[in-house]
Amino acid sequence: MEPRDLAGLLPQEPRLDHVGIASGEPPHPLTSLLRASLQFERGMPSGVLVQRFGLFEVISPARSGTPIDQFLRRRGAGLHHVALATAADLDEVAFACQQRGLATASDVQPGSDGRRTLFLHPRDVGGVLVELVEERT
């Protein structure tokens, strides 16, 4: 798996928004280590339970057969994704990915906090699942 050239995909440097941690069931031990307060908890239509603690998002399956359930069976608990906030128009980024032959792991869709998101497939990002999220306005 060789990383693809992503230069110029985003018009400006993104910033770290959060890190997604896959967990069989909450709470994840990391949250007590950080002494983080729960900012929100939301069940997603995809069958995923999302809990946000500062820069960390703990994601757990709300039912069997979900993508996160499959991830946990294959890889176990731990790092799931890195989310980068960007001012870029995500529809334009998705189109640019298509034009460059870069794989996305989702369509542009609402994320756990209501902002639009786009997941870049790990095979084109050096083995890292990257979630692009709209910058807060």
Protein backbone atom coordinates (compact mmCIF):
# COMPACT_ATOMS: atom_id res chain seq x y z
CA MET A 1 0.00 0.00 0.00
CA GLU A 2 1.70 3.13 -1.20
CA PRO A 3 0.32 6.52 -0.11
CA ARG A 4 -1.00 8.69 -2.91
CA ASP A 5 0.00 12.28 -3.56
CA LEU A 6 -2.60 14.36 -1.76
CA ALA A 7 -0.88 17.71 -2.38
CA GLY A 8 -3.36 20.41 -3.27
CA LEU A 9 -6.43 18.35 -2.33
CA LEU A 10 -7.30 20.91 0.36
CA PRO A 11 -6.95 24.62 -0.39
CA GLN A 12 -5.38 25.36 3.01
CA GLU A 13 -3.85 23.50 5.92
CA PRO A 14 -6.49 21.64 7.96
CA ARG A 15 -6.42 21.46 11.75
CA LEU A 16 -6.90 18.46 14.01
CA ASP A 17 -10.57 18.22 14.96
CA HIS A 18 -10.63 14.93 16.86
CA VAL A 19 -9.28 11.39 17.04
CA GLY A 20 -11.74 8.49 16.76
CA ILE A 21 -11.20 5.53 19.11
CA ALA A 22 -13.04 2.26 18.44
CA SER A 23 -14.32 0.61 21.60
CA GLY A 24 -16.32 -2.55 22.17
CA GLU A 25 -18.41 -0.73 24.72
CA PRO A 26 -18.07 2.58 26.48
CA PRO A 27 -16.48 3.93 28.53
CA HIS A 28 -13.06 3.54 26.97
CA PRO A 29 -10.18 3.59 29.53
CA LEU A 30 -8.63 6.57 27.75
CA THR A 31 -11.48 8.81 28.88
CA SER A 32 -10.70 8.31 32.57
CA LEU A 33 -6.98 8.78 31.97
CA LEU A 34 -7.66 12.15 30.36
CA ARG A 35 -10.29 13.06 32.97
CA ALA A 36 -12.33 14.23 30.02
CA SER A 37 -15.92 15.35 30.37
CA LEU A 38 -18.56 13.94 28.08
CA GLN A 39 -19.47 16.69 25.61
CA PHE A 40 -22.17 14.76 23.80
CA GLU A 41 -23.44 11.28 23.10
CA ARG A 42 -25.33 10.44 19.93
CA GLY A 43 -26.66 7.35 18.24
CA MET A 44 -26.09 7.47 14.50
CA PRO A 45 -28.34 6.00 11.78
CA SER A 46 -25.45 3.67 10.86
CA GLY A 47 -25.83 1.89 14.22
CA VAL A 48 -22.86 3.58 15.87
CA LEU A 49 -22.86 5.18 19.31
CA VAL A 50 -20.60 8.26 19.41
CA GLN A 51 -19.35 9.84 22.63
CA ARG A 52 -17.22 12.99 22.38
CA PHE A 53 -14.68 13.81 25.07
CA GLY A 54 -12.70 16.91 24.03
CA LEU A 55 -10.49 15.90 21.11
CA PHE A 56 -11.42 12.23 21.47
CA GLU A 57 -14.45 10.51 20.02
CA VAL A 58 -15.24 7.03 21.33
CA ILE A 59 -17.23 5.04 18.80
CA SER A 60 -18.99 1.79 19.68
CA PRO A 61 -21.46 -0.45 17.87
CA ALA A 62 -25.06 0.11 18.94
CA ARG A 63 -26.01 -3.16 17.23
CA SER A 64 -24.22 -6.03 15.54
CA GLY A 65 -23.33 -5.92 11.86
CA THR A 66 -22.38 -2.24 11.77
CA PRO A 67 -19.16 -1.02 10.15
CA ILE A 68 -17.62 -0.34 13.59
CA ASP A 69 -18.64 -3.83 14.75
CA GLN A 70 -16.82 -5.28 11.73
CA PHE A 71 -13.79 -3.06 12.43
CA LEU A 72 -13.62 -4.29 16.03
CA ARG A 73 -13.81 -7.93 14.94
CA ARG A 74 -10.98 -7.45 12.42
CA ARG A 75 -8.68 -5.12 14.37
CA GLY A 76 -9.90 -4.84 17.94
CA ALA A 77 -10.28 -1.69 20.01
CA GLY A 78 -7.99 1.27 19.39
CA LEU A 79 -7.36 4.04 16.89
CA HIS A 80 -10.11 4.22 14.26
CA HIS A 81 -9.67 7.56 12.48
CA VAL A 82 -8.14 11.02 12.55
CA ALA A 83 -10.51 13.90 11.82
CA LEU A 84 -9.26 17.08 10.20
CA ALA A 85 -11.31 20.28 10.08
CA THR A 86 -11.17 22.12 6.79
CA ALA A 87 -12.72 25.20 5.24
CA ALA A 88 -12.83 23.37 1.90
CA ASP A 89 -16.13 22.60 0.22
CA LEU A 90 -16.42 18.85 0.81
CA ASP A 91 -18.44 18.31 -2.37
CA GLU A 92 -15.52 19.80 -4.31
CA VAL A 93 -13.04 17.64 -2.37
CA ALA A 94 -15.10 14.51 -3.14
CA PHE A 95 -15.13 15.47 -6.83
CA ALA A 96 -11.36 16.11 -6.78
CA CYS A 97 -10.84 12.68 -5.19
CA GLN A 98 -12.88 11.08 -7.95
CA GLN A 99 -10.91 12.95 -10.63
CA ARG A 100 -7.58 11.85 -9.11
CA GLY A 101 -8.65 8.25 -8.58
CA LEU A 102 -8.48 8.59 -4.79
CA ALA A 103 -10.76 6.32 -2.81
CA THR A 104 -13.26 7.72 -0.36
CA ALA A 105 -14.82 5.56 2.33
CA SER A 106 -18.09 7.51 2.37
CA ASP A 107 -20.11 10.07 0.53
CA VAL A 108 -20.35 13.58 1.97
CA GLN A 109 -22.77 13.14 4.87
CA PRO A 110 -23.74 14.63 8.24
CA GLY A 111 -21.36 13.69 11.04
CA SER A 112 -22.05 13.04 14.72
CA ASP A 113 -22.06 16.76 15.56
CA GLY A 114 -24.11 17.81 12.54
CA ARG A 115 -21.24 19.11 10.40
CA ARG A 116 -20.74 17.59 6.96
CA THR A 117 -18.01 14.95 6.70
CA LEU A 118 -16.12 12.94 4.10
CA PHE A 119 -13.97 9.90 4.89
CA LEU A 120 -10.83 9.28 2.84
CA HIS A 121 -10.01 5.60 2.43
CA PRO A 122 -6.89 4.38 4.28
CA ARG A 123 -5.41 2.74 1.18
CA ASP A 124 -4.77 6.19 -0.32
CA VAL A 125 -3.73 7.90 2.92
CA GLY A 126 -0.94 5.64 4.09
CA GLY A 127 -3.12 3.28 6.12
CA VAL A 128 -4.96 6.00 8.08
CA LEU A 129 -8.72 6.51 7.86
CA VAL A 130 -9.10 10.29 7.60
CA GLU A 131 -12.38 12.08 8.26
CA LEU A 132 -12.60 15.55 6.78
CA VAL A 133 -15.09 17.73 8.66
CA GLU A 134 -16.39 21.16 7.85
CA GLU A 135 -14.73 23.89 9.86
CA ARG A 136 -17.08 25.36 12.44
CA THR A 137 -18.41 28.75 11.37
